[in-house]
């Protein structure tokens, strides 16, 4: 749907047409497991949060290179009007065309090790 992603700036009739797609995407995302990491600093490009986000996206992106792990044939991103989404295999346009700094993996590991596991 070419208007999807305009969020609340789209007219009501467009948002209503997009509702089934929003529901489908929410169902797919809701079925995925997530791991929440506590990053205790202010958001910004040089914050720990920004470093982990930017580098994780760059690491996982297939944009402009042979795909190591292609999305499934039914992945909805294949129909996105944004080339960076379609070609990266990620629901993201930011940082997909960047290189990652392998040193960020140590920072990510430390955040995972700091998790308080239930039980």
C-alpha atoms as a PDB file:
ATOM      1  CA  UNK A   1       0.000   0.000   0.000  1.00  0.00           C
ATOM      2  CA  UNK A   2       1.815   3.143  -1.176  1.00  0.00           C
ATOM      3  CA  UNK A   3       0.397   5.382   1.562  1.00  0.00           C
ATOM      4  CA  UNK A   4       1.375   3.082   4.435  1.00  0.00           C
ATOM      5  CA  UNK A   5       3.885   4.729   6.690  1.00  0.00           C
ATOM      6  CA  UNK A   6       2.364   8.227   6.528  1.00  0.00           C
ATOM      7  CA  UNK A   7       0.895   7.458   9.963  1.00  0.00           C
ATOM      8  CA  UNK A   8      -1.582   9.940  11.387  1.00  0.00           C
ATOM      9  CA  UNK A   9      -0.881  12.502   8.660  1.00  0.00           C
ATOM     10  CA  UNK A  10      -2.834  10.372   6.185  1.00  0.00           C
ATOM     11  CA  UNK A  11      -6.523  11.194   5.738  1.00  0.00           C
ATOM     12  CA  UNK A  12      -9.001   9.093   7.715  1.00  0.00           C
ATOM     13  CA  UNK A  13     -10.198   7.108   4.666  1.00  0.00           C
ATOM     14  CA  UNK A  14      -6.596   6.091   3.871  1.00  0.00           C
ATOM     15  CA  UNK A  15      -5.976   5.032   7.481  1.00  0.00           C
ATOM     16  CA  UNK A  16      -9.147   2.950   7.374  1.00  0.00           C
ATOM     17  CA  UNK A  17      -7.992   1.260   4.143  1.00  0.00           C
ATOM     18  CA  UNK A  18      -4.638   0.537   5.768  1.00  0.00           C
ATOM     19  CA  UNK A  19      -6.165  -0.989   8.913  1.00  0.00           C
ATOM     20  CA  UNK A  20      -6.126  -4.621   7.647  1.00  0.00           C
ATOM     21  CA  UNK A  21      -2.443  -4.279   6.714  1.00  0.00           C
ATOM     22  CA  UNK A  22      -1.646  -2.741  10.116  1.00  0.00           C
ATOM     23  CA  UNK A  23      -3.444  -5.637  11.813  1.00  0.00           C
ATOM     24  CA  UNK A  24      -1.559  -8.199   9.736  1.00  0.00           C
ATOM     25  CA  UNK A  25       1.812  -6.623  10.509  1.00  0.00           C
ATOM     26  CA  UNK A  26       0.942  -6.376  14.205  1.00  0.00           C
ATOM     27  CA  UNK A  27      -0.035 -10.064  14.269  1.00  0.00           C
ATOM     28  CA  UNK A  28       3.256 -11.124  12.677  1.00  0.00           C
ATOM     29  CA  UNK A  29       5.344  -8.923  14.976  1.00  0.00           C
ATOM     30  CA  UNK A  30       3.334  -9.937  18.018  1.00  0.00           C
ATOM     31  CA  UNK A  31       4.153 -13.601  17.393  1.00  0.00           C
ATOM     32  CA  UNK A  32       7.914 -12.937  17.433  1.00  0.00           C
ATOM     33  CA  UNK A  33      10.017 -13.299  20.569  1.00  0.00           C
ATOM     34  CA  UNK A  34      11.699 -10.120  21.757  1.00  0.00           C
ATOM     35  CA  UNK A  35      14.513  -9.455  24.163  1.00  0.00           C
ATOM     36  CA  UNK A  36      14.442  -6.065  25.896  1.00  0.00           C
ATOM     37  CA  UNK A  37      17.781  -4.641  26.889  1.00  0.00           C
ATOM     38  CA  UNK A  38      18.111  -1.919  29.511  1.00  0.00           C
ATOM     39  CA  UNK A  39      20.276   0.900  28.182  1.00  0.00           C
ATOM     40  CA  UNK A  40      20.472   3.530  30.876  1.00  0.00           C
ATOM     41  CA  UNK A  41      21.480   6.671  29.022  1.00  0.00           C
ATOM     42  CA  UNK A  42      19.852   9.492  27.110  1.00  0.00           C
ATOM     43  CA  UNK A  43      18.933   8.726  23.510  1.00  0.00           C
ATOM     44  CA  UNK A  44      21.222  10.188  20.879  1.00  0.00           C
ATOM     45  CA  UNK A  45      23.576   9.152  18.093  1.00  0.00           C
ATOM     46  CA  UNK A  46      26.523   8.663  20.462  1.00  0.00           C
ATOM     47  CA  UNK A  47      24.579   7.089  23.317  1.00  0.00           C
ATOM     48  CA  UNK A  48      24.923   3.379  24.028  1.00  0.00           C
ATOM     49  CA  UNK A  49      21.391   2.971  22.709  1.00  0.00           C
ATOM     50  CA  UNK A  50      22.278   4.741  19.463  1.00  0.00           C
ATOM     51  CA  UNK A  51      25.501   2.763  19.017  1.00  0.00           C
ATOM     52  CA  UNK A  52      23.776  -0.596  19.544  1.00  0.00           C
ATOM     53  CA  UNK A  53      20.799   0.291  17.340  1.00  0.00           C
ATOM     54  CA  UNK A  54      22.859   1.692  14.465  1.00  0.00           C
ATOM     55  CA  UNK A  55      25.386  -1.143  14.458  1.00  0.00           C
ATOM     56  CA  UNK A  56      22.801  -3.928  14.867  1.00  0.00           C
ATOM     57  CA  UNK A  57      20.852  -2.588  11.890  1.00  0.00           C
ATOM     58  CA  UNK A  58      24.023  -2.291   9.808  1.00  0.00           C
ATOM     59  CA  UNK A  59      25.101  -5.824  10.790  1.00  0.00           C
ATOM     60  CA  UNK A  60      21.745  -7.428   9.947  1.00  0.00           C
ATOM     61  CA  UNK A  61      21.091  -5.492   6.739  1.00  0.00           C
ATOM     62  CA  UNK A  62      21.304  -7.158   3.327  1.00  0.00           C
ATOM     63  CA  UNK A  63      21.237  -3.795   1.529  1.00  0.00           C
ATOM     64  CA  UNK A  64      23.785  -3.545  -1.288  1.00  0.00           C
ATOM     65  CA  UNK A  65      25.402  -6.917  -0.570  1.00  0.00           C
ATOM     66  CA  UNK A  66      24.638 -10.613  -1.012  1.00  0.00           C
ATOM     67  CA  UNK A  67      22.044 -11.688   1.517  1.00  0.00           C
ATOM     68  CA  UNK A  68      23.354 -13.936   4.263  1.00  0.00           C
ATOM     69  CA  UNK A  69      19.864 -14.495   5.650  1.00  0.00           C
ATOM     70  CA  UNK A  70      17.131 -13.494   3.231  1.00  0.00           C
ATOM     71  CA  UNK A  71      13.639 -12.722   4.456  1.00  0.00           C
ATOM     72  CA  UNK A  72      10.991 -15.322   3.749  1.00  0.00           C
ATOM     73  CA  UNK A  73       9.217 -15.219   0.365  1.00  0.00           C
ATOM     74  CA  UNK A  74       6.040 -13.996   2.085  1.00  0.00           C
ATOM     75  CA  UNK A  75       7.739 -11.165   4.008  1.00  0.00           C
ATOM     76  CA  UNK A  76       5.544  -8.073   3.697  1.00  0.00           C
ATOM     77  CA  UNK A  77       8.586  -5.827   3.319  1.00  0.00           C
ATOM     78  CA  UNK A  78       8.990  -7.131  -0.225  1.00  0.00           C
ATOM     79  CA  UNK A  79       5.981  -4.951  -1.098  1.00  0.00           C
ATOM     80  CA  UNK A  80       7.183  -1.801   0.647  1.00  0.00           C
ATOM     81  CA  UNK A  81       7.584   1.262  -1.573  1.00  0.00           C
ATOM     82  CA  UNK A  82      10.934   2.050   0.094  1.00  0.00           C
ATOM     83  CA  UNK A  83      13.827   0.354  -1.741  1.00  0.00           C
ATOM     84  CA  UNK A  84      15.991   0.276   1.397  1.00  0.00           C
ATOM     85  CA  UNK A  85      13.334  -1.756   3.213  1.00  0.00           C
ATOM     86  CA  UNK A  86      12.851  -4.170   0.310  1.00  0.00           C
ATOM     87  CA  UNK A  87      16.560  -4.661  -0.303  1.00  0.00           C
ATOM     88  CA  UNK A  88      17.808  -4.689   3.294  1.00  0.00           C
ATOM     89  CA  UNK A  89      15.356  -7.299   4.521  1.00  0.00           C
ATOM     90  CA  UNK A  90      14.608  -5.055   7.516  1.00  0.00           C
ATOM     91  CA  UNK A  91      11.685  -2.788   8.353  1.00  0.00           C
ATOM     92  CA  UNK A  92      14.063   0.121   8.457  1.00  0.00           C
ATOM     93  CA  UNK A  93      15.522   2.710   6.113  1.00  0.00           C
ATOM     94  CA  UNK A  94      18.055   4.175   8.521  1.00  0.00           C
ATOM     95  CA  UNK A  95      21.555   2.685   8.832  1.00  0.00           C
ATOM     96  CA  UNK A  96      20.876  -0.202   6.396  1.00  0.00           C
ATOM     97  CA  UNK A  97      23.531   1.112   4.018  1.00  0.00           C
ATOM     98  CA  UNK A  98      26.194   1.607   6.696  1.00  0.00           C
ATOM     99  CA  UNK A  99      29.020  -0.632   7.882  1.00  0.00           C
ATOM    100  CA  UNK A 100      28.987  -1.878  11.443  1.00  0.00           C
ATOM    101  CA  UNK A 101      31.793  -1.594  13.959  1.00  0.00           C
ATOM    102  CA  UNK A 102      32.511  -5.109  15.309  1.00  0.00           C
ATOM    103  CA  UNK A 103      33.462  -3.547  18.672  1.00  0.00           C
ATOM    104  CA  UNK A 104      29.760  -2.883  19.314  1.00  0.00           C
ATOM    105  CA  UNK A 105      29.307  -6.630  19.856  1.00  0.00           C
ATOM    106  CA  UNK A 106      31.205  -6.326  23.152  1.00  0.00           C
ATOM    107  CA  UNK A 107      28.803  -3.591  24.235  1.00  0.00           C
ATOM    108  CA  UNK A 108      25.830  -5.716  23.181  1.00  0.00           C
ATOM    109  CA  UNK A 109      27.233  -8.725  25.055  1.00  0.00           C
ATOM    110  CA  UNK A 110      27.617  -6.656  28.216  1.00  0.00           C
ATOM    111  CA  UNK A 111      23.990  -5.499  27.965  1.00  0.00           C
ATOM    112  CA  UNK A 112      22.780  -9.077  27.518  1.00  0.00           C
ATOM    113  CA  UNK A 113      24.925 -10.260  30.445  1.00  0.00           C
ATOM    114  CA  UNK A 114      23.351  -7.554  32.639  1.00  0.00           C
ATOM    115  CA  UNK A 115      19.837  -8.964  32.100  1.00  0.00           C
ATOM    116  CA  UNK A 116      18.002 -10.095  35.165  1.00  0.00           C
ATOM    117  CA  UNK A 117      16.501 -13.429  34.212  1.00  0.00           C
ATOM    118  CA  UNK A 118      13.259 -14.460  35.921  1.00  0.00           C
ATOM    119  CA  UNK A 119      13.348 -17.364  38.361  1.00  0.00           C
END
